[in-house]
Amino acid sequence: MTRSTMPMLAGIALSAWLAAPLFAATSGKTDATVSTLAPGQTVTLAGTVERITDEDEFLLRDATGTVLVYVGPNLVPAHTGESITVSGFVDDDGPLEIYATAITRADGTRVELSHRY
């Protein structure tokens, strides 16, 4: 490696580092755990449906805890014990809760959730 190629390689490395979150957000990988959730945060979180609490909400458990997931006005598109990945945002008003925008099942099926009222 010569001195003239070092700045170019540093630029490529910086670009890859900056782009990594973009690829992670679109690759289906999770970017959060229940213990790291913060109000207003956009998240992708994997876990198991622990309990369906209402027709439009359920408890999702991962290795770090449990969180309420709201899918209304849709019906819960998963079953107790099912492993899923939830995409959405953390409510910034009140108790810790995720407003789901999509749910991906273990077989890769993605259910988009409409929030039209």
C-alpha atoms as a PDB file:
ATOM      1  CA  MET A   1       0.000   0.000   0.000  1.00  0.00           C
ATOM      2  CA  THR A   2       1.396   3.396  -0.946  1.00  0.00           C
ATOM      3  CA  ARG A   3       0.820   6.731   0.699  1.00  0.00           C
ATOM      4  CA  SER A   4      -1.295   7.839  -2.238  1.00  0.00           C
ATOM      5  CA  THR A   5      -3.807   4.984  -1.764  1.00  0.00           C
ATOM      6  CA  MET A   6      -4.178   5.404   2.004  1.00  0.00           C
ATOM      7  CA  PRO A   7      -6.595   8.388   1.832  1.00  0.00           C
ATOM      8  CA  MET A   8      -8.703   6.557  -0.765  1.00  0.00           C
ATOM      9  CA  LEU A   9      -8.915   3.416   1.416  1.00  0.00           C
ATOM     10  CA  ALA A  10      -9.759   5.510   4.456  1.00  0.00           C
ATOM     11  CA  GLY A  11     -12.588   7.142   2.482  1.00  0.00           C
ATOM     12  CA  ILE A  12     -13.951   3.770   1.386  1.00  0.00           C
ATOM     13  CA  ALA A  13     -13.830   2.453   4.963  1.00  0.00           C
ATOM     14  CA  LEU A  14     -15.620   5.555   6.278  1.00  0.00           C
ATOM     15  CA  SER A  15     -18.325   5.259   3.592  1.00  0.00           C
ATOM     16  CA  ALA A  16     -18.915   1.587   4.439  1.00  0.00           C
ATOM     17  CA  TRP A  17     -19.117   2.391   8.154  1.00  0.00           C
ATOM     18  CA  LEU A  18     -21.627   5.194   7.559  1.00  0.00           C
ATOM     19  CA  ALA A  19     -23.775   3.059   5.234  1.00  0.00           C
ATOM     20  CA  ALA A  20     -23.932   0.027   7.558  1.00  0.00           C
ATOM     21  CA  PRO A  21     -27.030   1.218   9.498  1.00  0.00           C
ATOM     22  CA  LEU A  22     -28.915   1.697   6.225  1.00  0.00           C
ATOM     23  CA  PHE A  23     -28.258  -1.863   5.130  1.00  0.00           C
ATOM     24  CA  ALA A  24     -29.083  -3.256   8.581  1.00  0.00           C
ATOM     25  CA  ALA A  25     -32.439  -1.470   8.604  1.00  0.00           C
ATOM     26  CA  THR A  26     -33.458  -2.990   5.290  1.00  0.00           C
ATOM     27  CA  SER A  27     -31.975  -6.467   5.623  1.00  0.00           C
ATOM     28  CA  GLY A  28     -34.504  -7.845   8.118  1.00  0.00           C
ATOM     29  CA  LYS A  29     -31.980  -7.899  10.955  1.00  0.00           C
ATOM     30  CA  THR A  30     -33.090  -6.631  14.329  1.00  0.00           C
ATOM     31  CA  ASP A  31     -31.726  -3.366  15.640  1.00  0.00           C
ATOM     32  CA  ALA A  32     -33.177  -3.375  19.147  1.00  0.00           C
ATOM     33  CA  THR A  33     -33.954  -5.454  22.184  1.00  0.00           C
ATOM     34  CA  VAL A  34     -36.717  -4.798  24.694  1.00  0.00           C
ATOM     35  CA  SER A  35     -34.116  -3.527  27.165  1.00  0.00           C
ATOM     36  CA  THR A  36     -32.821  -0.906  24.675  1.00  0.00           C
ATOM     37  CA  LEU A  37     -36.179   0.555  23.590  1.00  0.00           C
ATOM     38  CA  ALA A  38     -36.560   4.321  23.931  1.00  0.00           C
ATOM     39  CA  PRO A  39     -39.609   6.557  23.337  1.00  0.00           C
ATOM     40  CA  GLY A  40     -39.860   7.815  19.750  1.00  0.00           C
ATOM     41  CA  GLN A  41     -37.347   5.268  18.443  1.00  0.00           C
ATOM     42  CA  THR A  42     -37.950   3.453  15.128  1.00  0.00           C
ATOM     43  CA  VAL A  43     -37.204  -0.226  15.712  1.00  0.00           C
ATOM     44  CA  THR A  44     -37.041  -3.713  14.322  1.00  0.00           C
ATOM     45  CA  LEU A  45     -37.357  -6.230  17.140  1.00  0.00           C
ATOM     46  CA  ALA A  46     -37.436 -10.041  17.055  1.00  0.00           C
ATOM     47  CA  GLY A  47     -39.142 -12.142  19.684  1.00  0.00           C
ATOM     48  CA  THR A  48     -41.913 -14.569  20.526  1.00  0.00           C
ATOM     49  CA  VAL A  49     -45.590 -13.723  20.957  1.00  0.00           C
ATOM     50  CA  GLU A  50     -46.049 -14.352  24.666  1.00  0.00           C
ATOM     51  CA  ARG A  51     -49.720 -13.497  24.981  1.00  0.00           C
ATOM     52  CA  ILE A  52     -52.440 -11.844  22.911  1.00  0.00           C
ATOM     53  CA  THR A  53     -53.925  -9.211  25.223  1.00  0.00           C
ATOM     54  CA  ASP A  54     -56.647  -7.858  22.896  1.00  0.00           C
ATOM     55  CA  GLU A  55     -57.700  -8.252  19.287  1.00  0.00           C
ATOM     56  CA  ASP A  56     -55.209  -5.540  18.288  1.00  0.00           C
ATOM     57  CA  GLU A  57     -52.339  -5.931  20.769  1.00  0.00           C
ATOM     58  CA  PHE A  58     -50.005  -8.563  22.122  1.00  0.00           C
ATOM     59  CA  LEU A  59     -46.975  -9.046  24.339  1.00  0.00           C
ATOM     60  CA  LEU A  60     -43.683  -9.736  22.575  1.00  0.00           C
ATOM     61  CA  ARG A  61     -40.848 -11.344  24.551  1.00  0.00           C
ATOM     62  CA  ASP A  62     -37.164 -11.419  23.726  1.00  0.00           C
ATOM     63  CA  ALA A  63     -34.210 -12.472  25.883  1.00  0.00           C
ATOM     64  CA  THR A  64     -34.200  -9.074  27.656  1.00  0.00           C
ATOM     65  CA  GLY A  65     -37.875  -8.578  28.515  1.00  0.00           C
ATOM     66  CA  THR A  66     -41.434  -8.080  27.301  1.00  0.00           C
ATOM     67  CA  VAL A  67     -43.123  -5.196  25.486  1.00  0.00           C
ATOM     68  CA  LEU A  68     -46.688  -4.479  24.404  1.00  0.00           C
ATOM     69  CA  VAL A  69     -47.152  -4.286  20.614  1.00  0.00           C
ATOM     70  CA  TYR A  70     -50.127  -2.418  19.137  1.00  0.00           C
ATOM     71  CA  VAL A  71     -51.325  -3.314  15.609  1.00  0.00           C
ATOM     72  CA  GLY A  72     -54.728  -1.558  15.562  1.00  0.00           C
ATOM     73  CA  PRO A  73     -57.031  -1.120  13.919  1.00  0.00           C
ATOM     74  CA  ASN A  74     -55.828  -4.440  12.466  1.00  0.00           C
ATOM     75  CA  LEU A  75     -56.277  -7.824  14.108  1.00  0.00           C
ATOM     76  CA  VAL A  76     -53.156  -9.481  15.545  1.00  0.00           C
ATOM     77  CA  PRO A  77     -51.606 -11.410  12.626  1.00  0.00           C
ATOM     78  CA  ALA A  78     -49.707 -13.904  14.810  1.00  0.00           C
ATOM     79  CA  HIS A  79     -50.318 -16.653  17.341  1.00  0.00           C
ATOM     80  CA  THR A  80     -49.137 -17.210  20.898  1.00  0.00           C
ATOM     81  CA  GLY A  81     -45.737 -18.912  20.823  1.00  0.00           C
ATOM     82  CA  GLU A  82     -44.936 -17.738  17.274  1.00  0.00           C
ATOM     83  CA  SER A  83     -41.494 -16.257  16.547  1.00  0.00           C
ATOM     84  CA  ILE A  84     -41.821 -12.954  14.662  1.00  0.00           C
ATOM     85  CA  THR A  85     -40.011  -9.732  13.873  1.00  0.00           C
ATOM     86  CA  VAL A  86     -41.849  -6.461  14.497  1.00  0.00           C
ATOM     87  CA  SER A  87     -41.044  -3.211  12.688  1.00  0.00           C
ATOM     88  CA  GLY A  88     -42.480   0.037  13.986  1.00  0.00           C
ATOM     89  CA  PHE A  89     -41.877   2.833  16.442  1.00  0.00           C
ATOM     90  CA  VAL A  90     -41.911   3.146  20.209  1.00  0.00           C
ATOM     91  CA  ASP A  91     -44.759   5.251  21.567  1.00  0.00           C
ATOM     92  CA  ASP A  92     -43.471   8.469  23.089  1.00  0.00           C
ATOM     93  CA  ASP A  93     -46.513   9.055  25.294  1.00  0.00           C
ATOM     94  CA  GLY A  94     -47.254   6.698  28.158  1.00  0.00           C
ATOM     95  CA  PRO A  95     -46.111   3.180  28.963  1.00  0.00           C
ATOM     96  CA  LEU A  96     -43.545   1.389  26.802  1.00  0.00           C
ATOM     97  CA  GLU A  97     -45.361   0.168  23.682  1.00  0.00           C
ATOM     98  CA  ILE A  98     -44.465  -0.433  20.032  1.00  0.00           C
ATOM     99  CA  TYR A  99     -46.816   0.739  17.288  1.00  0.00           C
ATOM    100  CA  ALA A 100     -46.181  -1.922  14.645  1.00  0.00           C
ATOM    101  CA  THR A 101     -46.059  -0.989  10.968  1.00  0.00           C
ATOM    102  CA  ALA A 102     -45.157  -4.508   9.790  1.00  0.00           C
ATOM    103  CA  ILE A 103     -44.705  -8.020  11.148  1.00  0.00           C
ATOM    104  CA  THR A 104     -42.478 -10.630   9.537  1.00  0.00           C
ATOM    105  CA  ARG A 105     -43.181 -14.272  10.304  1.00  0.00           C
ATOM    106  CA  ALA A 106     -40.507 -16.976  10.619  1.00  0.00           C
ATOM    107  CA  ASP A 107     -41.225 -18.171   7.053  1.00  0.00           C
ATOM    108  CA  GLY A 108     -40.433 -14.680   5.700  1.00  0.00           C
ATOM    109  CA  THR A 109     -44.045 -13.645   5.112  1.00  0.00           C
ATOM    110  CA  ARG A 110     -44.358  -9.911   5.776  1.00  0.00           C
ATOM    111  CA  VAL A 111     -47.663  -8.446   6.969  1.00  0.00           C
ATOM    112  CA  GLU A 112     -47.927  -4.691   6.402  1.00  0.00           C
ATOM    113  CA  LEU A 113     -50.180  -2.987   8.950  1.00  0.00           C
ATOM    114  CA  SER A 114     -52.439  -0.091   8.017  1.00  0.00           C
ATOM    115  CA  HIS A 115     -53.121   2.533  10.668  1.00  0.00           C
ATOM    116  CA  ARG A 116     -56.043   4.240   8.917  1.00  0.00           C
ATOM    117  CA  TYR A 117     -58.844   5.176  11.271  1.00  0.00           C
END
